[in-house]
Amino acid sequence: MTYGPATILFFVALYFVPTVVGAVRRVPNIGSVIVINVFLGWTFIGWVVALAMASRSVPARQS
């Protein structure tokens, strides 16, 4: 069974959802999110941990 380029692109985009969420939300530990996502994201647990880290509440910036 072969997959088309659109299917492969969809799954690659899905794999990097935690990284995108963390970047958009500007979490302070984005480097950790990226490392966990890249190296452990292939396990479902690693992907969920990266998503949880990217989704955590961000402290308000003090000016």
Protein backbone atom coordinates (compact mmCIF):
# COMPACT_ATOMS: atom_id res chain seq x y z
CA MET A 1 0.00 0.00 0.00
CA THR A 2 1.43 3.36 -0.99
CA TYR A 3 0.46 6.73 0.39
CA GLY A 4 0.20 9.88 -1.67
CA PRO A 5 2.07 13.06 -0.90
CA ALA A 6 -1.02 14.71 0.61
CA THR A 7 -1.46 11.89 3.11
CA ILE A 8 2.19 11.98 4.14
CA LEU A 9 2.07 15.78 4.52
CA PHE A 10 -1.06 15.47 6.67
CA PHE A 11 0.62 13.03 9.07
CA VAL A 12 3.82 15.08 9.26
CA ALA A 13 1.74 18.17 10.10
CA LEU A 14 -0.18 16.20 12.72
CA TYR A 15 3.10 14.99 14.24
CA PHE A 16 4.31 18.58 14.77
CA VAL A 17 1.08 19.97 16.27
CA PRO A 18 2.66 20.33 19.75
CA THR A 19 5.55 22.35 18.31
CA VAL A 20 3.20 24.64 16.40
CA VAL A 21 0.94 25.12 19.43
CA GLY A 22 3.92 25.98 21.61
CA ALA A 23 5.31 28.43 19.07
CA VAL A 24 1.97 30.19 18.57
CA ARG A 25 1.38 30.43 22.33
CA ARG A 26 5.03 31.52 22.90
CA VAL A 27 5.61 29.14 25.79
CA PRO A 28 8.86 29.79 27.66
CA ASN A 29 10.06 26.18 27.25
CA ILE A 30 9.57 25.88 23.48
CA GLY A 31 12.98 24.22 23.11
CA SER A 32 11.94 21.39 25.41
CA VAL A 33 8.67 21.00 23.54
CA ILE A 34 10.51 20.72 20.23
CA VAL A 35 13.05 18.19 21.55
CA ILE A 36 10.39 15.97 23.11
CA ASN A 37 8.21 16.24 20.03
CA VAL A 38 11.01 15.35 17.60
CA PHE A 39 12.62 12.55 19.60
CA LEU A 40 9.70 11.07 21.54
CA GLY A 41 6.70 12.17 19.50
CA TRP A 42 6.62 8.85 17.65
CA THR A 43 5.41 7.30 20.90
CA PHE A 44 1.92 8.43 21.74
CA ILE A 45 2.98 9.26 25.31
CA GLY A 46 5.82 11.53 24.12
CA TRP A 47 3.45 13.33 21.75
CA VAL A 48 0.90 13.88 24.53
CA VAL A 49 3.60 15.14 26.93
CA ALA A 50 4.84 17.62 24.31
CA LEU A 51 1.28 18.78 23.67
CA ALA A 52 0.64 19.19 27.40
CA MET A 53 3.82 21.24 27.77
CA ALA A 54 2.82 23.42 24.82
CA SER A 55 -0.70 23.89 26.18
CA ARG A 56 0.13 24.79 29.76
CA SER A 57 -0.77 28.22 31.04
CA VAL A 58 1.78 30.89 30.29
CA PRO A 59 2.49 33.37 33.10
CA ALA A 60 1.61 36.96 32.29
CA ARG A 61 4.54 39.11 31.25
CA GLN A 62 5.48 41.83 33.69
CA SER A 63 6.42 45.21 32.29
